Amino acid sequence: MSVLELTEKDLKSQLINEMDRLNREQLLLIHQFVSRIIAENLIDAVTGDWEAGTINRAAIQKAIREHRSKHPYGESS
């Protein structure tokens, strides 16, 4: 079976199993990669506000809340 055919749940499980075998430096690289993806998602969420000139602390906090509600920390599907 191709990795592209895995369900989200199976893919998460496989990734977790693979990460268990990585060393600290490799885990730090993965952490940086994931952090960048999250940051890019948040930037995308406030782009409209930025372009409209209405970016502010409230818009940023709203984007963070919306992201966290869609991607809760510590939950596995």
N, C-alpha and C. Protein backbone atom coordinates (compact mmCIF):
# COMPACT_ATOMS: atom_id res chain seq x y z
N MET A 1 0.84 -1.18 0.00
CA MET A 1 0.00 0.00 0.00
C MET A 1 0.88 1.25 0.00
N SER A 2 0.55 2.17 -0.83
CA SER A 2 1.27 3.44 -0.92
C SER A 2 0.91 4.33 0.27
N VAL A 3 1.85 5.14 0.70
CA VAL A 3 1.59 6.07 1.79
C VAL A 3 0.44 7.02 1.42
N LEU A 4 0.26 7.28 0.15
CA LEU A 4 -0.82 8.16 -0.30
C LEU A 4 -2.20 7.54 -0.08
N GLU A 5 -2.23 6.23 0.10
CA GLU A 5 -3.50 5.53 0.30
C GLU A 5 -3.88 5.37 1.77
N LEU A 6 -2.99 5.77 2.67
CA LEU A 6 -3.26 5.63 4.10
C LEU A 6 -4.32 6.63 4.56
N THR A 7 -5.13 6.21 5.52
CA THR A 7 -6.08 7.14 6.12
C THR A 7 -5.29 8.12 7.00
N GLU A 8 -5.92 9.21 7.38
CA GLU A 8 -5.24 10.18 8.24
C GLU A 8 -4.80 9.53 9.54
N LYS A 9 -5.69 8.71 10.13
CA LYS A 9 -5.38 8.03 11.39
C LYS A 9 -4.18 7.10 11.24
N ASP A 10 -4.17 6.30 10.15
CA ASP A 10 -3.05 5.37 9.93
C ASP A 10 -1.75 6.11 9.63
N LEU A 11 -1.85 7.21 8.90
CA LEU A 11 -0.66 7.99 8.59
C LEU A 11 -0.06 8.59 9.87
N LYS A 12 -0.92 9.13 10.75
CA LYS A 12 -0.43 9.68 12.02
C LYS A 12 0.26 8.59 12.83
N SER A 13 -0.36 7.42 12.88
CA SER A 13 0.21 6.31 13.64
C SER A 13 1.57 5.91 13.08
N GLN A 14 1.67 5.83 11.77
CA GLN A 14 2.94 5.46 11.13
C GLN A 14 4.01 6.51 11.41
N LEU A 15 3.65 7.78 11.33
CA LEU A 15 4.61 8.85 11.61
C LEU A 15 5.11 8.79 13.05
N ILE A 16 4.19 8.56 13.98
CA ILE A 16 4.58 8.47 15.39
C ILE A 16 5.54 7.30 15.59
N ASN A 17 5.25 6.17 15.00
CA ASN A 17 6.13 5.01 15.11
C ASN A 17 7.51 5.31 14.53
N GLU A 18 7.55 6.00 13.41
CA GLU A 18 8.84 6.33 12.79
C GLU A 18 9.61 7.35 13.64
N MET A 19 8.90 8.30 14.24
CA MET A 19 9.58 9.32 15.06
C MET A 19 10.19 8.71 16.31
N ASP A 20 9.63 7.61 16.79
CA ASP A 20 10.19 6.95 17.98
C ASP A 20 11.62 6.47 17.74
N ARG A 21 12.00 6.31 16.49
CA ARG A 21 13.34 5.81 16.17
C ARG A 21 14.33 6.93 15.84
N LEU A 22 13.88 8.16 15.84
CA LEU A 22 14.75 9.28 15.46
C LEU A 22 15.54 9.79 16.66
N ASN A 23 16.69 10.38 16.35
CA ASN A 23 17.50 10.99 17.42
C ASN A 23 17.06 12.44 17.64
N ARG A 24 17.65 13.07 18.64
CA ARG A 24 17.26 14.43 19.03
C ARG A 24 17.39 15.43 17.88
N GLU A 25 18.47 15.38 17.15
CA GLU A 25 18.69 16.33 16.06
C GLU A 25 17.62 16.17 14.97
N GLN A 26 17.28 14.93 14.66
CA GLN A 26 16.25 14.68 13.65
C GLN A 26 14.88 15.17 14.14
N LEU A 27 14.60 14.96 15.42
CA LEU A 27 13.34 15.43 15.98
C LEU A 27 13.26 16.95 15.98
N LEU A 28 14.40 17.63 16.24
CA LEU A 28 14.41 19.08 16.17
C LEU A 28 14.10 19.58 14.77
N LEU A 29 14.61 18.91 13.76
CA LEU A 29 14.31 19.30 12.38
C LEU A 29 12.83 19.13 12.06
N ILE A 30 12.25 18.03 12.53
CA ILE A 30 10.82 17.81 12.31
C ILE A 30 10.01 18.88 13.04
N HIS A 31 10.42 19.21 14.26
CA HIS A 31 9.73 20.24 15.03
C HIS A 31 9.77 21.58 14.29
N GLN A 32 10.92 21.93 13.75
CA GLN A 32 11.04 23.18 12.99
C GLN A 32 10.14 23.17 11.77
N PHE A 33 10.09 22.04 11.09
CA PHE A 33 9.26 21.90 9.90
C PHE A 33 7.78 22.07 10.24
N VAL A 34 7.33 21.39 11.29
CA VAL A 34 5.94 21.47 11.70
C VAL A 34 5.61 22.88 12.18
N SER A 35 6.52 23.50 12.92
CA SER A 35 6.30 24.87 13.38
C SER A 35 6.14 25.83 12.21
N ARG A 36 6.92 25.61 11.17
CA ARG A 36 6.81 26.47 9.98
C ARG A 36 5.47 26.29 9.29
N ILE A 37 4.99 25.05 9.19
CA ILE A 37 3.68 24.80 8.59
C ILE A 37 2.59 25.52 9.38
N ILE A 38 2.65 25.42 10.71
CA ILE A 38 1.67 26.08 11.56
C ILE A 38 1.73 27.59 11.37
N ALA A 39 2.93 28.15 11.33
CA ALA A 39 3.09 29.59 11.13
C ALA A 39 2.52 30.02 9.78
N GLU A 40 2.78 29.24 8.74
CA GLU A 40 2.25 29.57 7.41
C GLU A 40 0.73 29.52 7.40
N ASN A 41 0.15 28.55 8.12
CA ASN A 41 -1.32 28.48 8.20
C ASN A 41 -1.88 29.71 8.90
N LEU A 42 -1.19 30.16 9.95
CA LEU A 42 -1.66 31.36 10.66
C LEU A 42 -1.51 32.61 9.79
N ILE A 43 -0.42 32.68 9.04
CA ILE A 43 -0.24 33.81 8.13
C ILE A 43 -1.34 33.83 7.09
N ASP A 44 -1.66 32.66 6.54
CA ASP A 44 -2.75 32.58 5.57
C ASP A 44 -4.07 33.04 6.18
N ALA A 45 -4.27 32.71 7.47
CA ALA A 45 -5.53 33.06 8.13
C ALA A 45 -5.70 34.56 8.32
N VAL A 46 -4.61 35.31 8.43
CA VAL A 46 -4.71 36.76 8.64
C VAL A 46 -4.38 37.58 7.39
N THR A 47 -4.12 36.92 6.28
CA THR A 47 -3.75 37.64 5.06
C THR A 47 -4.83 38.63 4.63
N GLY A 48 -6.09 38.23 4.71
CA GLY A 48 -7.18 39.14 4.32
C GLY A 48 -7.19 40.38 5.18
N ASP A 49 -6.99 40.20 6.49
CA ASP A 49 -6.94 41.35 7.40
C ASP A 49 -5.74 42.24 7.06
N TRP A 50 -4.61 41.61 6.74
CA TRP A 50 -3.40 42.37 6.39
C TRP A 50 -3.65 43.22 5.16
N GLU A 51 -4.22 42.57 4.12
CA GLU A 51 -4.47 43.29 2.87
C GLU A 51 -5.50 44.40 3.04
N ALA A 52 -6.44 44.20 3.95
CA ALA A 52 -7.46 45.22 4.20
C ALA A 52 -6.96 46.31 5.14
N GLY A 53 -5.77 46.11 5.69
CA GLY A 53 -5.21 47.09 6.60
C GLY A 53 -5.83 47.03 7.99
N THR A 54 -6.46 45.91 8.31
CA THR A 54 -7.14 45.79 9.60
C THR A 54 -6.45 44.78 10.53
N ILE A 55 -5.21 44.44 10.22
CA ILE A 55 -4.50 43.48 11.07
C ILE A 55 -4.27 44.10 12.44
N ASN A 56 -4.57 43.35 13.46
CA ASN A 56 -4.36 43.81 14.83
C ASN A 56 -4.25 42.61 15.74
N ARG A 57 -4.02 42.87 16.99
CA ARG A 57 -3.84 41.78 17.96
C ARG A 57 -5.06 40.86 17.99
N ALA A 58 -6.25 41.43 17.92
CA ALA A 58 -7.48 40.63 17.97
C ALA A 58 -7.58 39.68 16.78
N ALA A 59 -7.21 40.17 15.59
CA ALA A 59 -7.26 39.32 14.39
C ALA A 59 -6.26 38.17 14.50
N ILE A 60 -5.09 38.45 15.03
CA ILE A 60 -4.08 37.40 15.20
C ILE A 60 -4.55 36.38 16.23
N GLN A 61 -5.08 36.85 17.35
CA GLN A 61 -5.57 35.93 18.38
C GLN A 61 -6.73 35.08 17.86
N LYS A 62 -7.60 35.68 17.06
CA LYS A 62 -8.71 34.94 16.46
C LYS A 62 -8.19 33.84 15.55
N ALA A 63 -7.19 34.15 14.73
CA ALA A 63 -6.61 33.16 13.82
C ALA A 63 -6.00 32.01 14.61
N ILE A 64 -5.33 32.34 15.71
CA ILE A 64 -4.73 31.29 16.55
C ILE A 64 -5.82 30.42 17.16
N ARG A 65 -6.87 31.03 17.69
CA ARG A 65 -7.97 30.25 18.29
C ARG A 65 -8.61 29.33 17.25
N GLU A 66 -8.85 29.85 16.05
CA GLU A 66 -9.47 29.04 15.00
C GLU A 66 -8.56 27.88 14.60
N HIS A 67 -7.26 28.15 14.50
CA HIS A 67 -6.31 27.09 14.15
C HIS A 67 -6.31 26.01 15.23
N ARG A 68 -6.26 26.42 16.49
CA ARG A 68 -6.22 25.46 17.59
C ARG A 68 -7.51 24.66 17.69
N SER A 69 -8.64 25.27 17.34
CA SER A 69 -9.89 24.53 17.41
C SER A 69 -9.96 23.46 16.32
N LYS A 70 -9.30 23.72 15.20
CA LYS A 70 -9.25 22.73 14.12
C LYS A 70 -8.15 21.71 14.32
N HIS A 71 -7.11 22.05 15.09
CA HIS A 71 -5.95 21.18 15.30
C HIS A 71 -5.60 21.16 16.79
N PRO A 72 -6.46 20.55 17.61
CA PRO A 72 -6.18 20.54 19.06
C PRO A 72 -4.89 19.81 19.40
N TYR A 73 -4.14 20.37 20.32
CA TYR A 73 -2.88 19.76 20.73
C TYR A 73 -3.15 18.53 21.58
N GLY A 74 -2.36 17.51 21.40
CA GLY A 74 -2.42 16.33 22.24
C GLY A 74 -3.51 15.35 21.89
N GLU A 75 -4.35 15.66 20.91
CA GLU A 75 -5.40 14.71 20.53
C GLU A 75 -4.94 13.92 19.33
N SER A 76 -5.24 12.65 19.35
CA SER A 76 -4.93 11.83 18.18
C SER A 76 -6.25 11.30 17.63
N SER A 77 -6.34 11.30 16.32
CA SER A 77 -7.58 10.83 15.69
C SER A 77 -7.50 9.36 15.37
